[in-house]
C-alpha atoms as a PDB file:
ATOM      1  CA  MET A   1       2.270 -30.049  25.896  1.00  0.00           C
ATOM      2  CA  LYS A   2       3.029 -26.516  27.883  1.00  0.00           C
ATOM      3  CA  THR A   3       4.207 -23.719  26.402  1.00  0.00           C
ATOM      4  CA  ILE A   4       7.777 -22.467  27.811  1.00  0.00           C
ATOM      5  CA  ILE A   5       9.060 -18.967  26.610  1.00  0.00           C
ATOM      6  CA  HIS A   6      12.369 -17.869  27.061  1.00  0.00           C
ATOM      7  CA  PRO A   7      12.889 -14.835  29.276  1.00  0.00           C
ATOM      8  CA  LEU A   8      13.811 -13.126  26.988  1.00  0.00           C
ATOM      9  CA  ALA A   9      10.624 -13.288  25.658  1.00  0.00           C
ATOM     10  CA  ALA A  10       9.507 -10.765  28.769  1.00  0.00           C
ATOM     11  CA  ILE A  11      11.217  -8.510  27.465  1.00  0.00           C
ATOM     12  CA  LEU A  12       9.081  -7.878  24.194  1.00  0.00           C
ATOM     13  CA  LEU A  13       5.808  -8.219  26.077  1.00  0.00           C
ATOM     14  CA  ALA A  14       6.198  -4.958  27.288  1.00  0.00           C
ATOM     15  CA  TRP A  15       7.765  -3.635  23.398  1.00  0.00           C
ATOM     16  CA  SER A  16       6.173  -3.537  20.505  1.00  0.00           C
ATOM     17  CA  ALA A  17       9.391  -2.536  17.908  1.00  0.00           C
ATOM     18  CA  GLY A  18       7.949  -0.305  15.168  1.00  0.00           C
ATOM     19  CA  ALA A  19       8.195  -2.231  11.924  1.00  0.00           C
ATOM     20  CA  SER A  20       8.465  -2.017   8.395  1.00  0.00           C
ATOM     21  CA  GLU A  21       4.898  -1.552   6.874  1.00  0.00           C
ATOM     22  CA  THR A  22       5.644  -4.678   5.335  1.00  0.00           C
ATOM     23  CA  TRP A  23       6.399  -6.455   8.477  1.00  0.00           C
ATOM     24  CA  SER A  24       4.386  -4.746  11.189  1.00  0.00           C
ATOM     25  CA  THR A  25       4.235  -7.563  14.136  1.00  0.00           C
ATOM     26  CA  SER A  26       6.028  -7.055  17.468  1.00  0.00           C
ATOM     27  CA  PRO A  27       8.241  -9.499  18.130  1.00  0.00           C
ATOM     28  CA  ALA A  28       5.387  -9.995  21.296  1.00  0.00           C
ATOM     29  CA  GLU A  29       2.462 -10.836  18.782  1.00  0.00           C
ATOM     30  CA  ALA A  30       5.030 -12.543  17.304  1.00  0.00           C
ATOM     31  CA  MET A  31       6.100 -15.671  19.969  1.00  0.00           C
ATOM     32  CA  GLN A  32       2.645 -15.833  20.814  1.00  0.00           C
ATOM     33  CA  GLN A  33       1.276 -16.053  17.225  1.00  0.00           C
ATOM     34  CA  ALA A  34       4.089 -18.152  16.864  1.00  0.00           C
ATOM     35  CA  ALA A  35       3.940 -20.770  19.893  1.00  0.00           C
ATOM     36  CA  ALA A  36      -0.535 -20.529  19.057  1.00  0.00           C
ATOM     37  CA  GLN A  37       0.154 -22.108  15.470  1.00  0.00           C
ATOM     38  CA  ASN A  38       3.250 -24.300  16.365  1.00  0.00           C
ATOM     39  CA  LYS A  39       5.716 -21.752  14.711  1.00  0.00           C
ATOM     40  CA  GLY A  40       9.189 -20.297  14.800  1.00  0.00           C
ATOM     41  CA  VAL A  41       9.628 -17.327  14.554  1.00  0.00           C
ATOM     42  CA  MET A  42      12.023 -14.653  11.941  1.00  0.00           C
ATOM     43  CA  LEU A  43      14.659 -12.123  13.970  1.00  0.00           C
ATOM     44  CA  GLU A  44      15.406  -9.695  11.594  1.00  0.00           C
ATOM     45  CA  PHE A  45      18.577  -7.257  13.324  1.00  0.00           C
ATOM     46  CA  THR A  46      18.839  -4.772  10.677  1.00  0.00           C
ATOM     47  CA  GLY A  47      19.368  -0.573  10.079  1.00  0.00           C
ATOM     48  CA  SER A  48      17.043   0.540   8.628  1.00  0.00           C
ATOM     49  CA  ASP A  49      18.242   3.929   7.589  1.00  0.00           C
ATOM     50  CA  TRP A  50      22.063   3.117   7.719  1.00  0.00           C
ATOM     51  CA  CYS A  51      22.864  -0.303   6.599  1.00  0.00           C
ATOM     52  CA  GLY A  52      23.180  -0.300   2.784  1.00  0.00           C
ATOM     53  CA  ALA A  53      23.614  -4.279   2.702  1.00  0.00           C
ATOM     54  CA  CYS A  54      20.324  -4.347   5.469  1.00  0.00           C
ATOM     55  CA  ILE A  55      18.135  -2.164   2.157  1.00  0.00           C
ATOM     56  CA  MET A  56      19.081  -4.564  -0.316  1.00  0.00           C
ATOM     57  CA  GLN A  57      18.280  -7.032   1.063  1.00  0.00           C
ATOM     58  CA  LYS A  58      14.971  -6.232   2.202  1.00  0.00           C
ATOM     59  CA  LYS A  59      14.143  -4.564  -0.869  1.00  0.00           C
ATOM     60  CA  GLN A  60      15.636  -7.348  -3.707  1.00  0.00           C
ATOM     61  CA  ALA A  61      14.586 -10.076  -1.045  1.00  0.00           C
ATOM     62  CA  LEU A  62      12.716  -9.908   2.501  1.00  0.00           C
ATOM     63  CA  SER A  63       9.847  -7.747   0.470  1.00  0.00           C
ATOM     64  CA  LEU A  64       9.004 -10.259  -2.406  1.00  0.00           C
ATOM     65  CA  PRO A  65       6.489 -12.100  -2.667  1.00  0.00           C
ATOM     66  CA  GLU A  66       7.036 -15.408  -3.111  1.00  0.00           C
ATOM     67  CA  ILE A  67       9.855 -14.868  -0.366  1.00  0.00           C
ATOM     68  CA  GLN A  68       7.276 -13.881   2.744  1.00  0.00           C
ATOM     69  CA  THR A  69       4.858 -16.535   1.603  1.00  0.00           C
ATOM     70  CA  ALA A  70       7.756 -19.054   1.826  1.00  0.00           C
ATOM     71  CA  ILE A  71       8.495 -18.015   5.460  1.00  0.00           C
ATOM     72  CA  SER A  72       5.563 -16.998   6.892  1.00  0.00           C
ATOM     73  CA  ARG A  73       4.651 -21.142   6.694  1.00  0.00           C
ATOM     74  CA  SER A  74       6.710 -21.845   9.475  1.00  0.00           C
ATOM     75  CA  PHE A  75       7.959 -18.800  11.002  1.00  0.00           C
ATOM     76  CA  ILE A  76       6.624 -15.040  12.060  1.00  0.00           C
ATOM     77  CA  PRO A  77       8.818 -12.333  10.493  1.00  0.00           C
ATOM     78  CA  VAL A  78      10.214  -9.853  13.325  1.00  0.00           C
ATOM     79  CA  GLU A  79      11.647  -5.938  12.056  1.00  0.00           C
ATOM     80  CA  LEU A  80      14.586  -5.174  15.210  1.00  0.00           C
ATOM     81  CA  ASP A  81      15.619  -2.118  14.418  1.00  0.00           C
ATOM     82  CA  TYR A  82      18.720  -0.329  14.766  1.00  0.00           C
ATOM     83  CA  PRO A  83      18.795   3.362  12.907  1.00  0.00           C
ATOM     84  CA  ARG A  84      20.634   6.076  12.939  1.00  0.00           C
ATOM     85  CA  LYS A  85      18.836   8.640  11.731  1.00  0.00           C
ATOM     86  CA  LYS A  86      15.241   7.686  13.274  1.00  0.00           C
ATOM     87  CA  GLN A  87      14.710   8.160  17.140  1.00  0.00           C
ATOM     88  CA  GLN A  88      13.816   6.186  19.265  1.00  0.00           C
ATOM     89  CA  ASP A  89      12.581   5.537  23.316  1.00  0.00           C
ATOM     90  CA  ALA A  90      14.895   5.005  25.653  1.00  0.00           C
ATOM     91  CA  GLN A  91      12.575   1.744  26.378  1.00  0.00           C
ATOM     92  CA  THR A  92      12.875   0.356  23.096  1.00  0.00           C
ATOM     93  CA  LYS A  93      16.991   1.262  22.319  1.00  0.00           C
ATOM     94  CA  THR A  94      16.714  -1.214  25.680  1.00  0.00           C
ATOM     95  CA  SER A  95      14.907  -3.638  24.596  1.00  0.00           C
ATOM     96  CA  LEU A  96      16.517  -3.706  20.995  1.00  0.00           C
ATOM     97  CA  GLU A  97      20.138  -4.018  23.026  1.00  0.00           C
ATOM     98  CA  THR A  98      19.321  -6.532  25.073  1.00  0.00           C
ATOM     99  CA  TYR A  99      17.959  -9.361  22.360  1.00  0.00           C
ATOM    100  CA  LYS A 100      21.476  -7.586  19.822  1.00  0.00           C
ATOM    101  CA  LYS A 101      23.644  -9.096  23.538  1.00  0.00           C
ATOM    102  CA  SER A 102      21.796 -11.950  23.859  1.00  0.00           C
ATOM    103  CA  TYR A 103      21.757 -12.753  20.423  1.00  0.00           C
ATOM    104  CA  GLY A 104      25.356 -12.463  19.970  1.00  0.00           C
ATOM    105  CA  ILE A 105      25.169  -9.963  16.535  1.00  0.00           C
ATOM    106  CA  THR A 106      27.591  -8.793  15.553  1.00  0.00           C
ATOM    107  CA  GLY A 107      26.729  -7.505  12.031  1.00  0.00           C
ATOM    108  CA  PHE A 108      23.944  -6.224  10.370  1.00  0.00           C
ATOM    109  CA  PRO A 109      21.606  -8.090   8.410  1.00  0.00           C
ATOM    110  CA  THR A 110      21.389 -10.581  10.893  1.00  0.00           C
ATOM    111  CA  LEU A 111      18.824 -12.962  10.618  1.00  0.00           C
ATOM    112  CA  VAL A 112      17.743 -15.300  13.578  1.00  0.00           C
ATOM    113  CA  PHE A 113      15.030 -18.093  12.374  1.00  0.00           C
ATOM    114  CA  ALA A 114      14.286 -19.844  16.400  1.00  0.00           C
ATOM    115  CA  ASP A 115      11.439 -21.197  17.733  1.00  0.00           C
ATOM    116  CA  ALA A 116       8.512 -19.777  19.871  1.00  0.00           C
ATOM    117  CA  GLN A 117      11.000 -19.321  22.622  1.00  0.00           C
ATOM    118  CA  GLY A 118      13.017 -17.865  20.681  1.00  0.00           C
ATOM    119  CA  ARG A 119      15.795 -19.862  20.550  1.00  0.00           C
ATOM    120  CA  PRO A 120      17.780 -19.864  17.401  1.00  0.00           C
ATOM    121  CA  VAL A 121      18.113 -22.901  15.197  1.00  0.00           C
ATOM    122  CA  HIS A 122      19.063 -21.610  11.599  1.00  0.00           C
ATOM    123  CA  THR A 123      21.375 -18.375  11.885  1.00  0.00           C
ATOM    124  CA  VAL A 124      22.648 -15.978   8.710  1.00  0.00           C
ATOM    125  CA  VAL A 125      24.621 -13.150   8.478  1.00  0.00           C
ATOM    126  CA  GLY A 126      25.471 -10.846   6.382  1.00  0.00           C
ATOM    127  CA  TYR A 127      23.375 -10.062   2.818  1.00  0.00           C
ATOM    128  CA  ALA A 128      21.447 -12.938   0.911  1.00  0.00           C
ATOM    129  CA  ASN A 129      20.326 -12.352  -2.162  1.00  0.00           C
ATOM    130  CA  PRO A 130      16.268 -13.853  -2.993  1.00  0.00           C
ATOM    131  CA  ALA A 131      17.666 -18.042  -3.724  1.00  0.00           C
ATOM    132  CA  GLN A 132      19.978 -18.049  -0.280  1.00  0.00           C
ATOM    133  CA  VAL A 133      17.055 -16.506   1.215  1.00  0.00           C
ATOM    134  CA  MET A 134      15.227 -19.253  -0.151  1.00  0.00           C
ATOM    135  CA  GLN A 135      17.976 -21.690   0.123  1.00  0.00           C
ATOM    136  CA  ASP A 136      17.859 -20.205   4.133  1.00  0.00           C
ATOM    137  CA  THR A 137      14.521 -20.641   5.060  1.00  0.00           C
ATOM    138  CA  LYS A 138      13.971 -23.939   4.006  1.00  0.00           C
ATOM    139  CA  LYS A 139      17.536 -24.830   6.145  1.00  0.00           C
ATOM    140  CA  ALA A 140      15.679 -22.773   8.421  1.00  0.00           C
ATOM    141  CA  ALA A 141      12.441 -24.715   8.229  1.00  0.00           C
ATOM    142  CA  GLU A 142      13.885 -27.914   8.054  1.00  0.00           C
ATOM    143  CA  ALA A 143      15.994 -27.697  11.458  1.00  0.00           C
ATOM    144  CA  LEU A 144      12.687 -26.112  12.969  1.00  0.00           C
ATOM    145  CA  ASN A 145      11.839 -29.476  12.798  1.00  0.00           C
ATOM    146  CA  THR A 146      13.999 -31.284  14.225  1.00  0.00           C
ATOM    147  CA  GLN A 147      14.452 -29.415  16.851  1.00  0.00           C
ATOM    148  CA  GLN A 148      10.982 -29.670  18.033  1.00  0.00           C
ATOM    149  CA  SER A 149      10.384 -33.682  17.383  1.00  0.00           C
ATOM    150  CA  LEU A 150      13.464 -33.873  19.741  1.00  0.00           C
ATOM    151  CA  THR A 151      12.197 -31.207  22.539  1.00  0.00           C
ATOM    152  CA  ASN A 152       8.714 -33.459  22.275  1.00  0.00           C
ATOM    153  CA  LYS A 153      10.704 -36.516  22.703  1.00  0.00           C
ATOM    154  CA  LEU A 154      13.152 -35.232  25.848  1.00  0.00           C
ATOM    155  CA  ALA A 155       9.511 -34.829  27.368  1.00  0.00           C
ATOM    156  CA  GLU A 156       8.800 -38.536  26.814  1.00  0.00           C
ATOM    157  CA  LYS A 157      10.050 -41.440  29.526  1.00  0.00           C
ATOM    158  CA  LEU A 158      13.561 -42.664  27.842  1.00  0.00           C
ATOM    159  CA  THR A 159      16.805 -43.983  29.531  1.00  0.00           C
ATOM    160  CA  ASP A 160      19.783 -41.545  30.273  1.00  0.00           C
ATOM    161  CA  GLN A 161      21.124 -43.259  27.578  1.00  0.00           C
ATOM    162  CA  GLN A 162      18.302 -41.926  24.855  1.00  0.00           C
ATOM    163  CA  ARG A 163      18.158 -39.010  26.704  1.00  0.00           C
ATOM    164  CA  ARG A 164      21.908 -38.509  26.226  1.00  0.00           C
ATOM    165  CA  ASP A 165      21.865 -39.767  21.885  1.00  0.00           C
ATOM    166  CA  THR A 166      18.476 -36.892  21.929  1.00  0.00           C
ATOM    167  CA  LEU A 167      20.013 -34.263  23.448  1.00  0.00           C
ATOM    168  CA  VAL A 168      23.659 -35.011  21.110  1.00  0.00           C
ATOM    169  CA  GLN A 169      20.719 -34.862  18.163  1.00  0.00           C
ATOM    170  CA  LEU A 170      19.555 -32.161  19.736  1.00  0.00           C
ATOM    171  CA  LEU A 171      22.115 -29.755  20.390  1.00  0.00           C
ATOM    172  CA  LYS A 172      24.421 -30.971  17.023  1.00  0.00           C
ATOM    173  CA  THR A 173      20.937 -29.135  15.148  1.00  0.00           C
ATOM    174  CA  VAL A 174      20.672 -25.903  16.093  1.00  0.00           C
ATOM    175  CA  PRO A 175      23.523 -23.330  15.632  1.00  0.00           C
ATOM    176  CA  GLN A 176      26.463 -23.789  18.661  1.00  0.00           C
ATOM    177  CA  SER A 177      27.555 -20.327  19.459  1.00  0.00           C
ATOM    178  CA  SER A 178      23.378 -20.386  20.830  1.00  0.00           C
ATOM    179  CA  ILE A 179      23.870 -23.339  22.997  1.00  0.00           C
ATOM    180  CA  ARG A 180      25.124 -21.476  25.621  1.00  0.00           C
ATOM    181  CA  THR A 181      22.386 -18.850  25.937  1.00  0.00           C
ATOM    182  CA  PHE A 182      19.771 -20.830  24.885  1.00  0.00           C
ATOM    183  CA  TYR A 183      19.914 -24.268  25.701  1.00  0.00           C
ATOM    184  CA  LYS A 184      21.213 -24.276  28.990  1.00  0.00           C
ATOM    185  CA  PRO A 185      19.690 -26.624  30.076  1.00  0.00           C
ATOM    186  CA  ALA A 186      20.340 -29.496  27.334  1.00  0.00           C
ATOM    187  CA  LEU A 187      23.875 -28.632  27.921  1.00  0.00           C
ATOM    188  CA  ALA A 188      23.726 -29.160  31.794  1.00  0.00           C
ATOM    189  CA  GLU A 189      21.876 -32.163  31.822  1.00  0.00           C
ATOM    190  CA  LEU A 190      24.235 -33.422  28.366  1.00  0.00           C
ATOM    191  CA  GLU A 191      26.996 -33.292  31.426  1.00  0.00           C
ATOM    192  CA  LYS A 192      25.705 -35.460  33.777  1.00  0.00           C
ATOM    193  CA  LEU A 193      25.146 -38.200  31.075  1.00  0.00           C
ATOM    194  CA  ASP A 194      28.269 -37.839  29.005  1.00  0.00           C
ATOM    195  CA  PRO A 195      30.900 -36.629  32.030  1.00  0.00           C
ATOM    196  CA  GLN A 196      33.588 -38.433  29.170  1.00  0.00           C
ATOM    197  CA  ASP A 197      32.579 -35.849  26.638  1.00  0.00           C
ATOM    198  CA  ALA A 198      31.996 -38.877  24.050  1.00  0.00           C
ATOM    199  CA  SER A 199      30.154 -36.726  21.515  1.00  0.00           C
ATOM    200  CA  GLY A 200      32.895 -34.319  21.655  1.00  0.00           C
ATOM    201  CA  ILE A 201      30.331 -31.277  22.125  1.00  0.00           C
ATOM    202  CA  LEU A 202      31.351 -29.796  25.046  1.00  0.00           C
ATOM    203  CA  ALA A 203      34.953 -30.122  23.706  1.00  0.00           C
ATOM    204  CA  LYS A 204      33.647 -27.637  20.942  1.00  0.00           C
ATOM    205  CA  LEU A 205      32.224 -25.652  22.833  1.00  0.00           C
ATOM    206  CA  HIS A 206      35.153 -24.747  25.062  1.00  0.00           C
ATOM    207  CA  ARG A 207      37.588 -24.401  22.380  1.00  0.00           C
ATOM    208  CA  ASP A 208      34.919 -22.160  20.459  1.00  0.00           C
ATOM    209  CA  ASP A 209      34.728 -20.472  23.782  1.00  0.00           C
ATOM    210  CA  LEU A 210      39.280 -19.944  23.311  1.00  0.00           C
ATOM    211  CA  LEU A 211      39.174 -18.622  20.382  1.00  0.00           C
ATOM    212  CA  HIS A 212      36.342 -15.922  20.971  1.00  0.00           C
ATOM    213  CA  ALA A 213      39.276 -15.144  23.801  1.00  0.00           C
ATOM    214  CA  GLN A 214      42.295 -14.697  21.998  1.00  0.00           C
ATOM    215  CA  LYS A 215      39.954 -12.991  19.076  1.00  0.00           C
ATOM    216  CA  LEU A 216      39.455 -10.026  21.352  1.00  0.00           C
ATOM    217  CA  GLU A 217      42.870  -9.928  23.276  1.00  0.00           C
ATOM    218  CA  TRP A 218      44.724  -9.773  20.097  1.00  0.00           C
ATOM    219  CA  ALA A 219      42.301  -7.374  18.598  1.00  0.00           C
ATOM    220  CA  ASP A 220      42.858  -5.178  21.394  1.00  0.00           C
ATOM    221  CA  THR A 221      47.144  -5.670  22.045  1.00  0.00           C
ATOM    222  CA  PHE A 222      47.031  -4.512  18.401  1.00  0.00           C
ATOM    223  CA  ARG A 223      44.521  -1.798  18.887  1.00  0.00           C
ATOM    224  CA  LYS A 224      46.758  -0.669  21.861  1.00  0.00           C
ATOM    225  CA  LYS A 225      49.870  -0.561  20.015  1.00  0.00           C
ATOM    226  CA  ASN A 226      48.305   1.943  17.534  1.00  0.00           C
ATOM    227  CA  ILE A 227      49.275  -1.227  14.044  1.00  0.00           C
ATOM    228  CA  HIS A 228      46.720   0.681  12.059  1.00  0.00           C
ATOM    229  CA  ILE A 229      48.788   3.975  12.429  1.00  0.00           C
ATOM    230  CA  LEU A 230      52.810   2.024  12.664  1.00  0.00           C
ATOM    231  CA  ALA A 231      51.580   0.193   9.558  1.00  0.00           C
ATOM    232  CA  ASP A 232      51.929   4.084   7.896  1.00  0.00           C
ATOM    233  CA  GLN A 233      54.654   5.345   9.854  1.00  0.00           C
ATOM    234  CA  ASN A 234      56.701   2.306  10.644  1.00  0.00           C
ATOM    235  CA  PRO A 235      55.589  -0.324   8.512  1.00  0.00           C
ATOM    236  CA  ASP A 236      59.190  -1.997  10.166  1.00  0.00           C
ATOM    237  CA  GLU A 237      57.583  -1.878  13.880  1.00  0.00           C
ATOM    238  CA  ALA A 238      54.807  -3.286  13.009  1.00  0.00           C
ATOM    239  CA  LEU A 239      55.440  -6.487  11.052  1.00  0.00           C
ATOM    240  CA  SER A 240      57.702  -7.255  14.259  1.00  0.00           C
ATOM    241  CA  ILE A 241      54.804  -6.865  16.423  1.00  0.00           C
ATOM    242  CA  MET A 242      52.886  -9.473  14.445  1.00  0.00           C
ATOM    243  CA  ASP A 243      55.350 -11.638  14.487  1.00  0.00           C
ATOM    244  CA  SER A 244      56.437 -12.011  17.894  1.00  0.00           C
ATOM    245  CA  TYR A 245      52.332 -12.461  18.089  1.00  0.00           C
ATOM    246  CA  LEU A 246      53.148 -15.409  15.878  1.00  0.00           C
ATOM    247  CA  LYS A 247      54.876 -16.939  18.483  1.00  0.00           C
ATOM    248  CA  LYS A 248      52.704 -16.915  20.957  1.00  0.00           C
ATOM    249  CA  ASN A 249      52.378 -20.168  22.473  1.00  0.00           C
ATOM    250  CA  GLY A 250      49.244 -21.925  22.181  1.00  0.00           C
ATOM    251  CA  LEU A 251      47.669 -19.865  19.686  1.00  0.00           C
ATOM    252  CA  LEU A 252      44.729 -21.484  17.705  1.00  0.00           C
ATOM    253  CA  PRO A 253      45.354 -20.981  14.017  1.00  0.00           C
ATOM    254  CA  GLU A 254      42.810 -19.125  13.230  1.00  0.00           C
ATOM    255  CA  VAL A 255      43.469 -16.089  14.785  1.00  0.00           C
ATOM    256  CA  LYS A 256      47.567 -17.302  13.501  1.00  0.00           C
ATOM    257  CA  GLN A 257      45.815 -17.084   9.864  1.00  0.00           C
ATOM    258  CA  ALA A 258      44.685 -13.111  10.847  1.00  0.00           C
ATOM    259  CA  VAL A 259      47.086 -11.483  11.958  1.00  0.00           C
ATOM    260  CA  LEU A 260      49.462 -13.066   8.413  1.00  0.00           C
ATOM    261  CA  MET A 261      46.507 -11.726   7.105  1.00  0.00           C
ATOM    262  CA  GLN A 262      47.258  -8.434   8.311  1.00  0.00           C
ATOM    263  CA  LYS A 263      51.377  -8.958   7.541  1.00  0.00           C
ATOM    264  CA  VAL A 264      50.695 -10.192   3.790  1.00  0.00           C
ATOM    265  CA  TYR A 265      48.677  -6.996   3.747  1.00  0.00           C
ATOM    266  CA  LEU A 266      51.019  -4.501   5.304  1.00  0.00           C
ATOM    267  CA  LEU A 267      54.162  -6.791   3.221  1.00  0.00           C
ATOM    268  CA  MET A 268      51.761  -5.730  -0.144  1.00  0.00           C
ATOM    269  CA  GLN A 269      50.952  -2.090   0.756  1.00  0.00           C
ATOM    270  CA  GLN A 270      54.338  -1.614   1.567  1.00  0.00           C
ATOM    271  CA  ASN A 271      54.995  -3.255  -1.898  1.00  0.00           C
ATOM    272  CA  ARG A 272      57.674  -6.055   0.230  1.00  0.00           C
ATOM    273  CA  VAL A 273      56.511  -8.742  -2.966  1.00  0.00           C
ATOM    274  CA  ASN A 274      60.027 -11.339  -2.303  1.00  0.00           C
ATOM    275  CA  GLU A 275      58.570 -11.524   1.491  1.00  0.00           C
ATOM    276  CA  LEU A 276      55.786 -12.703   0.651  1.00  0.00           C
ATOM    277  CA  GLU A 277      55.758 -16.592   0.115  1.00  0.00           C
ATOM    278  CA  GLN A 278      56.964 -17.434   3.586  1.00  0.00           C
ATOM    279  CA  PRO A 279      53.894 -16.257   5.059  1.00  0.00           C
ATOM    280  CA  LEU A 280      50.668 -17.223   2.576  1.00  0.00           C
ATOM    281  CA  LYS A 281      52.187 -21.242   2.231  1.00  0.00           C
ATOM    282  CA  GLU A 282      51.828 -20.556   6.772  1.00  0.00           C
ATOM    283  CA  GLY A 283      49.118 -19.581   5.747  1.00  0.00           C
ATOM    284  CA  VAL A 284      47.829 -22.381   4.169  1.00  0.00           C
ATOM    285  CA  ALA A 285      49.104 -24.955   5.972  1.00  0.00           C
ATOM    286  CA  LEU A 286      47.393 -23.566   9.123  1.00  0.00           C
ATOM    287  CA  LEU A 287      43.726 -23.848   8.459  1.00  0.00           C
ATOM    288  CA  PRO A 288      43.467 -25.465   4.075  1.00  0.00           C
ATOM    289  CA  LYS A 289      40.136 -25.703   4.006  1.00  0.00           C
ATOM    290  CA  SER A 290      39.014 -22.228   5.286  1.00  0.00           C
ATOM    291  CA  PHE A 291      38.014 -19.487   3.860  1.00  0.00           C
ATOM    292  CA  GLU A 292      41.506 -17.663   4.747  1.00  0.00           C
ATOM    293  CA  GLY A 293      43.097 -20.413   4.015  1.00  0.00           C
ATOM    294  CA  LYS A 294      41.297 -20.393   0.159  1.00  0.00           C
ATOM    295  CA  ALA A 295      42.260 -17.002   0.146  1.00  0.00           C
ATOM    296  CA  PHE A 296      46.011 -17.402   0.867  1.00  0.00           C
ATOM    297  CA  GLY A 297      45.879 -19.440  -1.712  1.00  0.00           C
ATOM    298  CA  LYS A 298      44.868 -17.790  -4.844  1.00  0.00           C
ATOM    299  CA  LEU A 299      46.811 -15.772  -3.329  1.00  0.00           C
ATOM    300  CA  LEU A 300      50.456 -17.763  -3.666  1.00  0.00           C
ATOM    301  CA  ASP A 301      49.269 -18.822  -6.711  1.00  0.00           C
ATOM    302  CA  LYS A 302      49.155 -15.053  -8.408  1.00  0.00           C
ATOM    303  CA  LEU A 303      52.549 -14.408  -6.534  1.00  0.00           C
ATOM    304  CA  PRO A 304      54.638 -14.374 -10.203  1.00  0.00           C
ATOM    305  CA  GLU A 305      51.453 -11.253 -11.184  1.00  0.00           C
ATOM    306  CA  ILE A 306      51.858  -9.898  -7.736  1.00  0.00           C
ATOM    307  CA  LYS A 307      55.713  -9.326  -8.147  1.00  0.00           C
ATOM    308  CA  LYS A 308      55.298  -7.937 -11.502  1.00  0.00           C
ATOM    309  CA  GLU A 309      53.214  -5.697 -10.930  1.00  0.00           C
ATOM    310  CA  ARG A 310      54.651  -4.370  -7.398  1.00  0.00           C
ATOM    311  CA  GLY A 311      57.820  -5.538  -8.056  1.00  0.00           C
ATOM    312  CA  LEU A 312      59.632  -1.575  -9.288  1.00  0.00           C
ATOM    313  CA  LEU A 313      57.220   0.223  -7.454  1.00  0.00           C
ATOM    314  CA  LYS A 314      58.148   2.331  -3.898  1.00  0.00           C
ATOM    315  CA  PRO A 315      57.145   1.467  -0.262  1.00  0.00           C
ATOM    316  CA  GLY A 316      53.164   2.926  -0.192  1.00  0.00           C
ATOM    317  CA  GLU A 317      52.828   3.447  -3.914  1.00  0.00           C
ATOM    318  CA  GLU A 318      49.678   1.906  -5.813  1.00  0.00           C
ATOM    319  CA  PRO A 319      49.595   0.002  -9.067  1.00  0.00           C
ATOM    320  CA  PRO A 320      47.399   2.157 -11.494  1.00  0.00           C
ATOM    321  CA  LEU A 321      43.878   1.230 -11.096  1.00  0.00           C
ATOM    322  CA  PRO A 322      41.795   0.345 -14.510  1.00  0.00           C
ATOM    323  CA  PRO A 323      39.358   3.094 -15.669  1.00  0.00           C
ATOM    324  CA  GLY A 324      36.354   3.909 -12.935  1.00  0.00           C
ATOM    325  CA  ALA A 325      37.695   2.550  -9.993  1.00  0.00           C
ATOM    326  CA  ILE A 326      37.549   3.818  -6.666  1.00  0.00           C
ATOM    327  CA  ARG A 327      40.857   3.041  -4.804  1.00  0.00           C
ATOM    328  CA  ALA A 328      39.407   0.693  -1.186  1.00  0.00           C
ATOM    329  CA  THR A 329      40.033   2.513   2.240  1.00  0.00           C
ATOM    330  CA  LYS A 330      43.228   1.464   4.516  1.00  0.00           C
ATOM    331  CA  MET A 331      42.607  -0.081   8.061  1.00  0.00           C
ATOM    332  CA  ILE A 332      44.393  -2.999   9.412  1.00  0.00           C
ATOM    333  CA  VAL A 333      42.948  -3.258  12.447  1.00  0.00           C
ATOM    334  CA  PRO A 334      40.251  -0.678  13.506  1.00  0.00           C
ATOM    335  CA  THR A 335      40.784   1.988  16.353  1.00  0.00           C
ATOM    336  CA  ALA A 336      39.252   1.802  19.830  1.00  0.00           C
ATOM    337  CA  PRO A 337      36.153   3.740  20.252  1.00  0.00           C
ATOM    338  CA  ALA A 338      36.144   6.671  21.375  1.00  0.00           C
ATOM    339  CA  LYS A 339      35.259   6.907  25.274  1.00  0.00           C
END
């Protein structure tokens, strides 16, 4: 079967990344090796001289011989470094930014397990300890095997129904966030074979697009209204803006939960503990099993304790910290980047 290299791989052919001593393989070489050895690649997006979680993950997990052995069974590891102190030439920076954008990287560290064409099969965002890296490597290897098997099956002569079923299996195997960028041909064919979207894949993708757009709009709106400043200088106005935003038509529950969490944080910051119960209950009711829903539930369970701790404090006053504890930095919405 002829190996087709994804267009992103072409960028790598002109660029060899300055990887660490442990991971000296360039991305271009890694994809070539992966294609020759019937393996995938593991792309580590890292900030080697500033990202604490990246440094810890490299030292505590990725540098361990047993983990490197587990990874190398199915993947060629690649380090994509985004340092702040280390100097990089313009071509390297451009290539790195292209990869960051194409893979939708929003935080470091991020591990992207992909096939030899660079198509993701499993993604891990944030720090992972050795056991977690081992588990994710196993999941990624299984996903890669399934993806390759389904891709090979699609090269065979199949009926329309068989192709539809195989395409559905393929697109349900890979990360949903990667489909529009890396699995366009498969998605386009499925749209023709399943115009009624019986699989539900298209509906989920459309919802994901809507959620992404709403999150961007929410963040942009709150930045423009300087919510982070109003939270300190005029909390009543900040709360009014939040309440108005929650009344927007068509707002998805995930976005509502995010706004409600901001409201809860501000109410606690102002020690207005008697106003907490309603937004906490609303947050739980929206998506009880989500991370945010569970967080709302825990706060609701602790509400009597919170009222006792903060009920007599003045607005903005914090309860005393335990010995040795450090106060967290206050921030509701990040300030807009300088232009």
